[in-house]
Amino acid sequence: MESRFKMSSDLSVVIADDHPIFRKGWRQVLEMDPRLHIVAEAEDGNAALAHIEELKPRVAVLDIDMPGRDGFEIARTVQEKGLPVDVIFLTMHTDEQIFNMAFDLGVKGYVLKDGAVAEIIKAVRAVAAGQNYISAELATYLVRRSNSAAALMQKKPALALLTETEQRVLKLIADYKTRREIADELCISPRTVERHRANICEKLDLKGSHALLKFATTHKSQL
């Protein structure tokens, strides 16, 4: 079977930015690569999400700050619904907390607008090939994120013993999801969710009624 990460001769892209001049500029740059096909543009988050759900592009290039829904809301919906699209944020935000929030939501690329003309094609290509792409100015953020995750694994080596489903449950707990919400998202029963929670607590030696929630939310960016 051919990998979904293999570059296509017609790689579909949705662009969303509430500034028409920026949007036109990104489109012109991306269309310099004949393999990239802009299937839709959006001037707000609601339209962007509608295009993503209908057209299922390979990559969505989104501004974070948009009317209707912001980039984070769209990325969260993409993650929750399991939509087959990789998200790139195109933004002015250089704050490390915002960067980590983006990657916590499964965003694959984070490109600063100041350098986007030179980077946007490389970012789309990289993400479509299954890689992450970060503007060079923010590379230290990714290093710190990786080091932090490694430190947590050293502190709690039993994290490696969690099953794939237990890992997903732990991440959903970190998002403050309720037992019912986790059950609905994973298509399992609330009782099964409770069993997974108990298994996680046992493996990670977490004791107390709120220990699991505290651990998950404290280490959200490291999970």
Protein backbone atom coordinates (compact mmCIF):
# COMPACT_ATOMS: atom_id res chain seq x y z
CA MET A 1 0.00 0.00 0.00
CA GLU A 2 1.31 3.44 -0.89
CA SER A 3 2.11 5.64 2.12
CA ARG A 4 -0.12 8.68 2.71
CA PHE A 5 3.09 10.59 3.42
CA LYS A 6 4.44 10.16 -0.10
CA MET A 7 4.40 13.46 -1.95
CA SER A 8 1.57 13.60 -4.45
CA SER A 9 1.69 15.26 -7.86
CA ASP A 10 -1.45 17.11 -6.79
CA LEU A 11 -1.13 17.89 -3.08
CA SER A 12 -4.25 19.68 -1.83
CA VAL A 13 -4.00 22.69 0.47
CA VAL A 14 -6.52 24.95 2.22
CA ILE A 15 -5.39 28.46 3.25
CA ALA A 16 -7.10 30.50 5.97
CA ASP A 17 -6.23 34.07 6.97
CA ASP A 18 -8.58 36.97 7.62
CA HIS A 19 -6.26 39.40 5.80
CA PRO A 20 -6.91 39.14 2.04
CA ILE A 21 -3.50 40.55 1.10
CA PHE A 22 -1.71 37.91 3.18
CA ARG A 23 -3.99 35.19 1.82
CA LYS A 24 -3.33 36.23 -1.77
CA GLY A 25 0.40 36.34 -1.09
CA TRP A 26 0.51 32.85 0.47
CA ARG A 27 -1.46 31.48 -2.46
CA GLN A 28 0.88 33.02 -5.02
CA VAL A 29 3.93 31.62 -3.23
CA LEU A 30 2.47 28.13 -2.84
CA GLU A 31 1.38 28.01 -6.47
CA MET A 32 5.01 28.45 -7.50
CA ASP A 33 5.27 24.72 -6.73
CA PRO A 34 3.23 22.90 -9.40
CA ARG A 35 2.67 19.97 -7.02
CA LEU A 36 0.66 22.12 -4.60
CA HIS A 37 -3.00 22.67 -5.41
CA ILE A 38 -4.95 25.30 -3.44
CA VAL A 39 -8.44 23.81 -3.17
CA ALA A 40 -9.96 26.61 -1.05
CA GLU A 41 -9.30 29.87 0.77
CA ALA A 42 -11.08 31.08 3.89
CA GLU A 43 -11.26 34.47 5.60
CA ASP A 44 -12.47 33.14 8.95
CA GLY A 45 -12.26 30.03 11.09
CA ASN A 46 -15.79 28.81 10.44
CA ALA A 47 -15.28 28.80 6.68
CA ALA A 48 -11.86 27.18 7.10
CA LEU A 49 -13.27 24.29 9.12
CA ALA A 50 -16.14 23.84 6.66
CA HIS A 51 -13.64 23.58 3.77
CA ILE A 52 -11.48 21.13 5.72
CA GLU A 53 -14.43 18.88 6.58
CA GLU A 54 -15.83 18.96 3.04
CA LEU A 55 -12.67 18.83 0.92
CA LYS A 56 -10.35 16.93 3.28
CA PRO A 57 -7.17 18.61 2.02
CA ARG A 58 -3.78 17.05 2.73
CA VAL A 59 -2.58 20.21 4.51
CA ALA A 60 -4.33 23.20 6.07
CA VAL A 61 -2.31 26.41 6.46
CA LEU A 62 -4.03 28.48 9.15
CA ASP A 63 -3.53 31.81 10.84
CA ILE A 64 -4.02 31.47 14.61
CA ASP A 65 -5.99 34.69 15.11
CA MET A 66 -9.14 34.62 12.99
CA PRO A 67 -12.77 35.62 13.55
CA GLY A 68 -15.34 32.88 14.05
CA ARG A 69 -12.97 30.14 15.20
CA ASP A 70 -9.29 30.63 15.84
CA GLY A 71 -6.59 28.24 14.68
CA PHE A 72 -6.57 26.40 18.01
CA GLU A 73 -10.30 25.64 17.80
CA ILE A 74 -9.86 24.29 14.28
CA ALA A 75 -6.85 22.17 15.25
CA ARG A 76 -8.77 20.80 18.25
CA THR A 77 -11.72 19.85 16.04
CA VAL A 78 -9.41 18.21 13.49
CA GLN A 79 -7.83 16.18 16.30
CA GLU A 80 -11.11 15.22 17.96
CA LYS A 81 -12.76 14.16 14.70
CA GLY A 82 -9.67 12.42 13.37
CA LEU A 83 -9.81 14.36 10.11
CA PRO A 84 -7.10 13.31 7.63
CA VAL A 85 -5.42 16.71 7.39
CA ASP A 86 -2.17 18.03 8.80
CA VAL A 87 -2.24 21.56 10.19
CA ILE A 88 0.38 24.28 9.83
CA PHE A 89 0.09 27.48 11.84
CA LEU A 90 1.23 30.62 10.08
CA THR A 91 1.53 33.25 12.78
CA MET A 92 3.23 36.22 14.39
CA HIS A 93 3.18 34.53 17.83
CA THR A 94 6.62 33.65 19.18
CA ASP A 95 5.50 32.83 22.72
CA GLU A 96 6.71 29.39 23.83
CA GLN A 97 3.48 28.60 25.65
CA ILE A 98 1.46 29.19 22.49
CA PHE A 99 3.96 27.06 20.55
CA ASN A 100 3.50 24.19 23.03
CA MET A 101 -0.28 24.56 22.95
CA ALA A 102 -0.16 24.16 19.18
CA PHE A 103 1.86 20.96 19.30
CA ASP A 104 -0.30 19.61 22.13
CA LEU A 105 -3.17 19.80 19.62
CA GLY A 106 -1.28 17.88 16.96
CA VAL A 107 -0.22 20.85 14.83
CA LYS A 108 2.61 19.67 12.54
CA GLY A 109 4.08 22.99 11.40
CA TYR A 110 4.68 26.35 13.04
CA VAL A 111 5.86 29.09 10.69
CA LEU A 112 6.43 32.73 11.58
CA LYS A 113 4.88 35.16 9.13
CA ASP A 114 8.06 37.23 8.98
CA GLY A 115 9.83 34.41 7.15
CA ALA A 116 6.85 32.70 5.58
CA VAL A 117 7.60 33.67 1.97
CA ALA A 118 10.84 31.71 2.13
CA GLU A 119 9.51 28.88 4.30
CA ILE A 120 5.90 28.15 3.44
CA ILE A 121 6.57 25.78 0.53
CA LYS A 122 9.23 23.91 2.53
CA ALA A 123 6.82 23.68 5.46
CA VAL A 124 3.99 22.21 3.38
CA ARG A 125 6.34 19.73 1.70
CA ALA A 126 7.83 18.63 5.03
CA VAL A 127 4.48 18.20 6.76
CA ALA A 128 3.03 16.31 3.80
CA ALA A 129 6.04 13.98 4.03
CA GLY A 130 5.20 13.16 7.64
CA GLN A 131 7.67 15.52 9.31
CA ASN A 132 7.29 18.48 11.65
CA TYR A 133 8.37 21.92 10.46
CA ILE A 134 9.29 24.81 12.75
CA SER A 135 10.73 28.21 11.86
CA ALA A 136 14.44 28.20 12.67
CA GLU A 137 14.02 31.03 15.22
CA LEU A 138 11.89 28.70 17.36
CA ALA A 139 14.03 25.57 17.11
CA THR A 140 15.07 25.86 20.76
CA TYR A 141 11.41 25.48 21.77
CA LEU A 142 11.26 22.06 20.12
CA VAL A 143 14.54 21.03 21.73
CA ARG A 144 13.25 22.03 25.18
CA ARG A 145 9.98 20.23 24.51
CA SER A 146 11.85 17.08 23.52
CA ASN A 147 14.21 17.30 26.50
CA SER A 148 11.29 17.82 28.84
CA ALA A 149 9.52 14.73 27.49
CA ALA A 150 12.72 12.71 27.86
CA ALA A 151 13.11 13.90 31.45
CA LEU A 152 9.54 12.84 32.26
CA MET A 153 10.17 9.41 30.72
CA GLN A 154 13.26 9.07 32.90
CA LYS A 155 11.25 10.06 35.96
CA LYS A 156 8.29 7.84 35.02
CA PRO A 157 9.72 5.01 32.85
CA ALA A 158 6.44 3.15 33.22
CA LEU A 159 4.98 5.58 30.67
CA ALA A 160 6.53 3.26 28.08
CA LEU A 161 4.29 0.45 29.39
CA LEU A 162 1.05 2.27 28.59
CA THR A 163 -0.92 0.81 25.72
CA GLU A 164 -1.86 3.01 22.78
CA THR A 165 -5.39 3.39 24.13
CA GLU A 166 -4.12 4.23 27.62
CA GLN A 167 -1.88 6.90 26.10
CA ARG A 168 -4.87 8.41 24.31
CA VAL A 169 -6.95 8.33 27.49
CA LEU A 170 -4.14 10.06 29.39
CA LYS A 171 -3.93 12.83 26.79
CA LEU A 172 -7.69 13.32 26.85
CA ILE A 173 -7.61 13.56 30.63
CA ALA A 174 -4.96 16.26 30.20
CA ASP A 175 -7.54 18.14 28.11
CA TYR A 176 -9.98 17.94 31.06
CA LYS A 177 -12.25 15.55 29.18
CA THR A 178 -14.88 13.81 31.30
CA ARG A 179 -15.30 10.07 31.44
CA ARG A 180 -18.33 10.31 29.13
CA GLU A 181 -16.51 12.57 26.66
CA ILE A 182 -13.54 10.19 26.52
CA ALA A 183 -15.87 7.25 26.02
CA ASP A 184 -17.67 9.01 23.15
CA GLU A 185 -14.42 10.08 21.47
CA LEU A 186 -12.84 6.62 21.65
CA CYS A 187 -16.11 4.76 20.97
CA ILE A 188 -15.83 2.72 24.16
CA SER A 189 -17.99 2.47 27.28
CA PRO A 190 -17.52 4.68 30.34
CA ARG A 191 -16.76 1.52 32.29
CA THR A 192 -13.91 0.72 29.90
CA VAL A 193 -12.60 4.27 30.37
CA GLU A 194 -12.56 3.69 34.13
CA ARG A 195 -10.63 0.46 33.62
CA HIS A 196 -8.05 2.30 31.51
CA ARG A 197 -7.78 5.03 34.14
CA ALA A 198 -7.20 2.43 36.84
CA ASN A 199 -4.53 0.71 34.73
CA ILE A 200 -2.75 4.03 34.12
CA CYS A 201 -2.76 4.84 37.82
CA GLU A 202 -1.40 1.42 38.70
CA LYS A 203 1.38 1.56 36.09
CA LEU A 204 2.41 5.11 37.02
CA ASP A 205 1.97 4.57 40.76
CA LEU A 206 -0.50 7.43 41.06
CA LYS A 207 -2.52 7.40 44.27
CA GLY A 208 -5.36 9.62 45.36
CA SER A 209 -8.65 10.70 43.80
CA HIS A 210 -7.16 13.58 41.78
CA ALA A 211 -3.63 12.26 41.23
CA LEU A 212 -4.24 11.18 37.64
CA LEU A 213 -5.80 14.49 36.60
CA LYS A 214 -3.01 16.45 38.29
CA PHE A 215 -0.31 14.34 36.61
CA ALA A 216 -1.95 14.59 33.16
CA THR A 217 -2.52 18.35 33.23
CA THR A 218 0.89 19.13 34.74
CA HIS A 219 2.72 17.14 32.07
CA LYS A 220 0.39 17.77 29.12
CA SER A 221 3.13 19.14 26.85
CA GLN A 222 5.35 16.15 27.60
CA LEU A 223 2.86 13.36 26.89
